[in-house]
């Protein structure tokens, strides 16, 4: 396993765990809708499981990787619109940068 793949796994696991923990805490917070929170949780879990699969056996995970990141982004946009009635562009740009970094590290590793 290459150094880039190790960095990919570390960043990916941290990002997925942060998303999963945030979603779990939101179920009691009721700031976002159940559907949006569940959508983001599914994205975080798909990302986490994809990384586990890759860790156990380095196989192609680009499809679940992209699907999970898209689900997370869609849910984040829906949550922002629900809570604040607008998009926080800087928040979504940071998420986009993290997602692009994860995909690039996977592809280059």
N, C-alpha and C. Protein backbone atom coordinates (compact mmCIF):
# COMPACT_ATOMS: atom_id res chain seq x y z
N UNK A 1 0.86 -1.18 0.00
CA UNK A 1 0.00 0.00 0.00
C UNK A 1 0.90 1.24 0.00
N UNK A 2 0.58 2.17 -0.86
CA UNK A 2 1.41 3.37 -1.00
C UNK A 2 1.15 4.37 0.13
N UNK A 3 2.07 5.31 0.26
CA UNK A 3 1.92 6.38 1.26
C UNK A 3 0.68 7.21 0.98
N UNK A 4 0.40 7.46 -0.30
CA UNK A 4 -0.80 8.24 -0.64
C UNK A 4 -2.07 7.50 -0.23
N UNK A 5 -2.07 6.19 -0.36
CA UNK A 5 -3.25 5.43 0.06
C UNK A 5 -3.41 5.47 1.58
N UNK A 6 -2.31 5.48 2.30
CA UNK A 6 -2.39 5.58 3.76
C UNK A 6 -2.97 6.93 4.16
N UNK A 7 -2.49 7.99 3.53
CA UNK A 7 -3.04 9.33 3.80
C UNK A 7 -4.52 9.38 3.41
N UNK A 8 -4.86 8.78 2.28
CA UNK A 8 -6.25 8.68 1.82
C UNK A 8 -7.12 8.01 2.89
N UNK A 9 -6.64 6.89 3.42
CA UNK A 9 -7.41 6.17 4.43
C UNK A 9 -7.57 6.97 5.71
N UNK A 10 -6.50 7.62 6.16
CA UNK A 10 -6.57 8.40 7.40
C UNK A 10 -7.56 9.55 7.24
N UNK A 11 -7.42 10.33 6.17
CA UNK A 11 -8.34 11.46 5.95
C UNK A 11 -9.76 10.95 5.76
N UNK A 12 -9.92 9.89 4.99
CA UNK A 12 -11.25 9.33 4.73
C UNK A 12 -11.93 8.83 5.99
N UNK A 13 -11.19 8.09 6.82
CA UNK A 13 -11.77 7.59 8.07
C UNK A 13 -12.13 8.74 9.02
N UNK A 14 -11.26 9.72 9.14
CA UNK A 14 -11.57 10.86 10.01
C UNK A 14 -12.81 11.59 9.51
N UNK A 15 -12.88 11.84 8.20
CA UNK A 15 -14.02 12.55 7.62
C UNK A 15 -15.31 11.75 7.81
N UNK A 16 -15.27 10.45 7.53
CA UNK A 16 -16.47 9.64 7.66
C UNK A 16 -16.93 9.54 9.12
N UNK A 17 -15.99 9.38 10.03
CA UNK A 17 -16.36 9.30 11.45
C UNK A 17 -16.94 10.62 11.96
N UNK A 18 -16.37 11.74 11.52
CA UNK A 18 -16.92 13.04 11.92
C UNK A 18 -18.36 13.19 11.41
N UNK A 19 -18.61 12.76 10.20
CA UNK A 19 -19.96 12.86 9.63
C UNK A 19 -20.91 11.94 10.38
N UNK A 20 -20.51 10.72 10.62
CA UNK A 20 -21.37 9.77 11.33
C UNK A 20 -21.69 10.27 12.73
N UNK A 21 -20.68 10.75 13.46
CA UNK A 21 -20.92 11.26 14.81
C UNK A 21 -21.82 12.51 14.81
N UNK A 22 -21.61 13.38 13.82
CA UNK A 22 -22.46 14.58 13.72
C UNK A 22 -23.91 14.17 13.44
N UNK A 23 -24.10 13.20 12.59
CA UNK A 23 -25.46 12.74 12.27
C UNK A 23 -26.14 12.12 13.48
N UNK A 24 -25.39 11.30 14.21
CA UNK A 24 -25.96 10.68 15.41
C UNK A 24 -26.38 11.75 16.41
N UNK A 25 -25.56 12.78 16.59
CA UNK A 25 -25.92 13.84 17.53
C UNK A 25 -27.10 14.66 17.03
N UNK A 26 -27.27 14.76 15.72
CA UNK A 26 -28.38 15.53 15.16
C UNK A 26 -29.73 14.84 15.34
N UNK A 27 -29.74 13.53 15.52
CA UNK A 27 -31.02 12.85 15.72
C UNK A 27 -31.73 13.34 16.97
N UNK A 28 -30.96 13.72 17.98
CA UNK A 28 -31.60 14.26 19.18
C UNK A 28 -31.72 15.78 19.11
N UNK A 29 -30.89 16.43 18.30
CA UNK A 29 -30.91 17.89 18.20
C UNK A 29 -32.09 18.45 17.43
N UNK A 30 -32.60 17.71 16.47
CA UNK A 30 -33.77 18.08 15.68
C UNK A 30 -33.60 19.40 14.92
N UNK A 31 -32.36 19.79 14.59
CA UNK A 31 -32.15 21.00 13.81
C UNK A 31 -32.35 20.75 12.32
N UNK A 32 -32.12 19.50 11.91
CA UNK A 32 -32.27 19.14 10.50
C UNK A 32 -33.39 18.10 10.37
N UNK A 33 -33.84 17.91 9.15
CA UNK A 33 -34.93 16.93 8.96
C UNK A 33 -34.38 15.51 9.07
N UNK A 34 -35.26 14.61 9.40
CA UNK A 34 -34.90 13.20 9.54
C UNK A 34 -34.36 12.66 8.21
N UNK A 35 -34.99 13.03 7.11
CA UNK A 35 -34.56 12.56 5.79
C UNK A 35 -33.15 13.06 5.45
N UNK A 36 -32.91 14.35 5.64
CA UNK A 36 -31.59 14.91 5.33
C UNK A 36 -30.50 14.29 6.20
N UNK A 37 -30.80 14.12 7.48
CA UNK A 37 -29.82 13.55 8.39
C UNK A 37 -29.53 12.10 8.04
N UNK A 38 -30.57 11.36 7.69
CA UNK A 38 -30.39 9.96 7.32
C UNK A 38 -29.61 9.85 6.01
N UNK A 39 -29.87 10.73 5.08
CA UNK A 39 -29.14 10.75 3.81
C UNK A 39 -27.65 10.97 4.06
N UNK A 40 -27.33 11.92 4.93
CA UNK A 40 -25.93 12.18 5.25
C UNK A 40 -25.31 11.01 6.00
N UNK A 41 -26.06 10.41 6.90
CA UNK A 41 -25.57 9.26 7.65
C UNK A 41 -25.27 8.10 6.70
N UNK A 42 -26.15 7.85 5.76
CA UNK A 42 -25.93 6.79 4.76
C UNK A 42 -24.65 7.08 3.97
N UNK A 43 -24.46 8.33 3.56
CA UNK A 43 -23.23 8.70 2.86
C UNK A 43 -22.00 8.45 3.70
N UNK A 44 -22.05 8.82 4.97
CA UNK A 44 -20.91 8.60 5.87
C UNK A 44 -20.62 7.12 6.09
N UNK A 45 -21.67 6.33 6.22
CA UNK A 45 -21.50 4.89 6.43
C UNK A 45 -20.95 4.22 5.16
N UNK A 46 -21.47 4.61 3.99
CA UNK A 46 -20.95 4.06 2.74
C UNK A 46 -19.46 4.40 2.60
N UNK A 47 -19.09 5.63 2.92
CA UNK A 47 -17.68 6.02 2.86
C UNK A 47 -16.85 5.18 3.81
N UNK A 48 -17.30 5.03 5.05
CA UNK A 48 -16.57 4.26 6.05
C UNK A 48 -16.41 2.81 5.62
N UNK A 49 -17.48 2.18 5.17
CA UNK A 49 -17.43 0.78 4.75
C UNK A 49 -16.54 0.61 3.52
N UNK A 50 -16.61 1.54 2.59
CA UNK A 50 -15.74 1.48 1.41
C UNK A 50 -14.27 1.52 1.81
N UNK A 51 -13.96 2.38 2.77
CA UNK A 51 -12.58 2.47 3.25
C UNK A 51 -12.15 1.19 3.96
N UNK A 52 -13.05 0.58 4.73
CA UNK A 52 -12.75 -0.69 5.38
C UNK A 52 -12.47 -1.77 4.35
N UNK A 53 -13.30 -1.83 3.32
CA UNK A 53 -13.10 -2.82 2.25
C UNK A 53 -11.74 -2.61 1.60
N UNK A 54 -11.42 -1.36 1.31
CA UNK A 54 -10.13 -1.05 0.68
C UNK A 54 -8.97 -1.41 1.61
N UNK A 55 -9.14 -1.20 2.91
CA UNK A 55 -8.10 -1.51 3.87
C UNK A 55 -7.85 -3.02 3.94
N UNK A 56 -8.92 -3.80 3.90
CA UNK A 56 -8.80 -5.25 3.97
C UNK A 56 -8.26 -5.82 2.67
N UNK A 57 -8.82 -5.35 1.55
CA UNK A 57 -8.38 -5.83 0.24
C UNK A 57 -8.43 -4.66 -0.73
N UNK A 58 -7.27 -4.11 -1.09
CA UNK A 58 -7.24 -2.93 -1.97
C UNK A 58 -7.87 -3.22 -3.34
N UNK A 59 -9.15 -2.99 -3.42
CA UNK A 59 -9.89 -3.17 -4.67
C UNK A 59 -10.48 -1.83 -5.09
N UNK A 60 -10.96 -1.76 -6.30
CA UNK A 60 -11.56 -0.53 -6.81
C UNK A 60 -12.81 -0.14 -6.03
N UNK A 61 -12.77 1.02 -5.39
CA UNK A 61 -13.92 1.50 -4.63
C UNK A 61 -14.37 2.88 -5.12
N UNK A 62 -14.01 3.23 -6.34
CA UNK A 62 -14.30 4.59 -6.82
C UNK A 62 -15.80 4.87 -6.88
N UNK A 63 -16.60 3.88 -7.28
CA UNK A 63 -18.04 4.11 -7.40
C UNK A 63 -18.67 4.38 -6.04
N UNK A 64 -18.50 3.50 -5.03
CA UNK A 64 -19.08 3.84 -3.72
C UNK A 64 -18.47 5.10 -3.10
N UNK A 65 -17.20 5.35 -3.40
CA UNK A 65 -16.54 6.55 -2.90
C UNK A 65 -17.25 7.80 -3.42
N UNK A 66 -17.47 7.85 -4.73
CA UNK A 66 -18.15 9.00 -5.34
C UNK A 66 -19.60 9.10 -4.85
N UNK A 67 -20.29 7.97 -4.81
CA UNK A 67 -21.69 7.98 -4.35
C UNK A 67 -21.78 8.53 -2.92
N UNK A 68 -20.90 8.06 -2.04
CA UNK A 68 -20.95 8.51 -0.65
C UNK A 68 -20.68 10.01 -0.54
N UNK A 69 -19.70 10.50 -1.27
CA UNK A 69 -19.37 11.92 -1.19
C UNK A 69 -20.49 12.79 -1.78
N UNK A 70 -21.12 12.31 -2.85
CA UNK A 70 -22.25 13.05 -3.43
C UNK A 70 -23.42 13.09 -2.45
N UNK A 71 -23.72 11.95 -1.81
CA UNK A 71 -24.80 11.93 -0.81
C UNK A 71 -24.52 12.91 0.32
N UNK A 72 -23.30 12.94 0.78
CA UNK A 72 -22.92 13.85 1.86
C UNK A 72 -23.10 15.30 1.43
N UNK A 73 -22.69 15.62 0.21
CA UNK A 73 -22.82 16.99 -0.29
C UNK A 73 -24.28 17.39 -0.47
N UNK A 74 -25.07 16.51 -1.04
CA UNK A 74 -26.50 16.80 -1.22
C UNK A 74 -27.17 17.04 0.12
N UNK A 75 -26.89 16.16 1.08
CA UNK A 75 -27.48 16.31 2.41
C UNK A 75 -27.03 17.61 3.08
N UNK A 76 -25.77 17.97 2.91
CA UNK A 76 -25.26 19.22 3.51
C UNK A 76 -25.96 20.43 2.90
N UNK A 77 -26.17 20.40 1.60
CA UNK A 77 -26.89 21.50 0.94
C UNK A 77 -28.32 21.58 1.44
N UNK A 78 -28.99 20.43 1.52
CA UNK A 78 -30.38 20.40 2.01
C UNK A 78 -30.45 20.86 3.46
N UNK A 79 -29.49 20.44 4.29
CA UNK A 79 -29.48 20.87 5.69
C UNK A 79 -29.29 22.38 5.80
N UNK A 80 -28.38 22.93 5.01
CA UNK A 80 -28.16 24.38 5.04
C UNK A 80 -29.40 25.15 4.62
N UNK A 81 -30.06 24.67 3.58
CA UNK A 81 -31.28 25.33 3.13
C UNK A 81 -32.39 25.21 4.18
N UNK A 82 -32.45 24.07 4.84
CA UNK A 82 -33.48 23.87 5.87
C UNK A 82 -33.24 24.75 7.10
N UNK A 83 -32.00 24.79 7.56
CA UNK A 83 -31.70 25.51 8.80
C UNK A 83 -31.57 27.01 8.61
N UNK A 84 -30.95 27.44 7.51
CA UNK A 84 -30.63 28.85 7.35
C UNK A 84 -31.31 29.52 6.15
N UNK A 85 -32.04 28.72 5.37
CA UNK A 85 -32.75 29.22 4.17
C UNK A 85 -31.80 29.79 3.13
N UNK A 86 -30.51 29.41 3.21
CA UNK A 86 -29.51 29.84 2.23
C UNK A 86 -28.33 28.89 2.27
N UNK A 87 -27.47 29.01 1.28
CA UNK A 87 -26.27 28.19 1.23
C UNK A 87 -25.09 28.96 1.82
N UNK A 88 -24.30 28.27 2.58
CA UNK A 88 -23.05 28.84 3.09
C UNK A 88 -21.96 28.35 2.13
N UNK A 89 -21.62 29.18 1.17
CA UNK A 89 -20.71 28.79 0.10
C UNK A 89 -19.36 28.32 0.64
N UNK A 90 -18.80 29.01 1.61
CA UNK A 90 -17.49 28.62 2.12
C UNK A 90 -17.54 27.23 2.76
N UNK A 91 -18.62 26.91 3.43
CA UNK A 91 -18.79 25.59 4.04
C UNK A 91 -18.77 24.51 2.95
N UNK A 92 -19.48 24.76 1.87
CA UNK A 92 -19.56 23.76 0.80
C UNK A 92 -18.27 23.69 0.00
N UNK A 93 -17.55 24.79 -0.11
CA UNK A 93 -16.25 24.76 -0.79
C UNK A 93 -15.24 23.94 0.01
N UNK A 94 -15.29 24.07 1.32
CA UNK A 94 -14.39 23.27 2.17
C UNK A 94 -14.73 21.80 2.04
N UNK A 95 -16.02 21.48 2.07
CA UNK A 95 -16.44 20.08 1.87
C UNK A 95 -15.99 19.57 0.50
N UNK A 96 -16.14 20.41 -0.51
CA UNK A 96 -15.73 20.02 -1.86
C UNK A 96 -14.22 19.76 -1.91
N UNK A 97 -13.45 20.62 -1.29
CA UNK A 97 -11.99 20.44 -1.26
C UNK A 97 -11.60 19.13 -0.58
N UNK A 98 -12.25 18.82 0.53
CA UNK A 98 -11.98 17.57 1.23
C UNK A 98 -12.36 16.38 0.35
N UNK A 99 -13.49 16.46 -0.30
CA UNK A 99 -13.94 15.37 -1.18
C UNK A 99 -12.99 15.17 -2.35
N UNK A 100 -12.58 16.27 -2.97
CA UNK A 100 -11.65 16.19 -4.09
C UNK A 100 -10.32 15.61 -3.61
N UNK A 101 -9.84 16.05 -2.45
CA UNK A 101 -8.60 15.52 -1.89
C UNK A 101 -8.69 14.01 -1.68
N UNK A 102 -9.80 13.54 -1.14
CA UNK A 102 -9.99 12.10 -0.89
C UNK A 102 -9.94 11.34 -2.22
N UNK A 103 -10.65 11.81 -3.21
CA UNK A 103 -10.69 11.12 -4.51
C UNK A 103 -9.31 11.16 -5.18
N UNK A 104 -8.65 12.29 -5.15
CA UNK A 104 -7.33 12.41 -5.79
C UNK A 104 -6.31 11.51 -5.09
N UNK A 105 -6.32 11.48 -3.78
CA UNK A 105 -5.39 10.60 -3.06
C UNK A 105 -5.65 9.14 -3.41
N UNK A 106 -6.91 8.77 -3.53
CA UNK A 106 -7.24 7.39 -3.91
C UNK A 106 -6.72 7.09 -5.31
N UNK A 107 -6.98 8.00 -6.25
CA UNK A 107 -6.59 7.76 -7.64
C UNK A 107 -5.08 7.77 -7.86
N UNK A 108 -4.37 8.62 -7.13
CA UNK A 108 -2.92 8.73 -7.30
C UNK A 108 -2.14 7.67 -6.53
N UNK A 109 -2.76 7.13 -5.49
CA UNK A 109 -2.06 6.19 -4.60
C UNK A 109 -1.72 4.86 -5.17
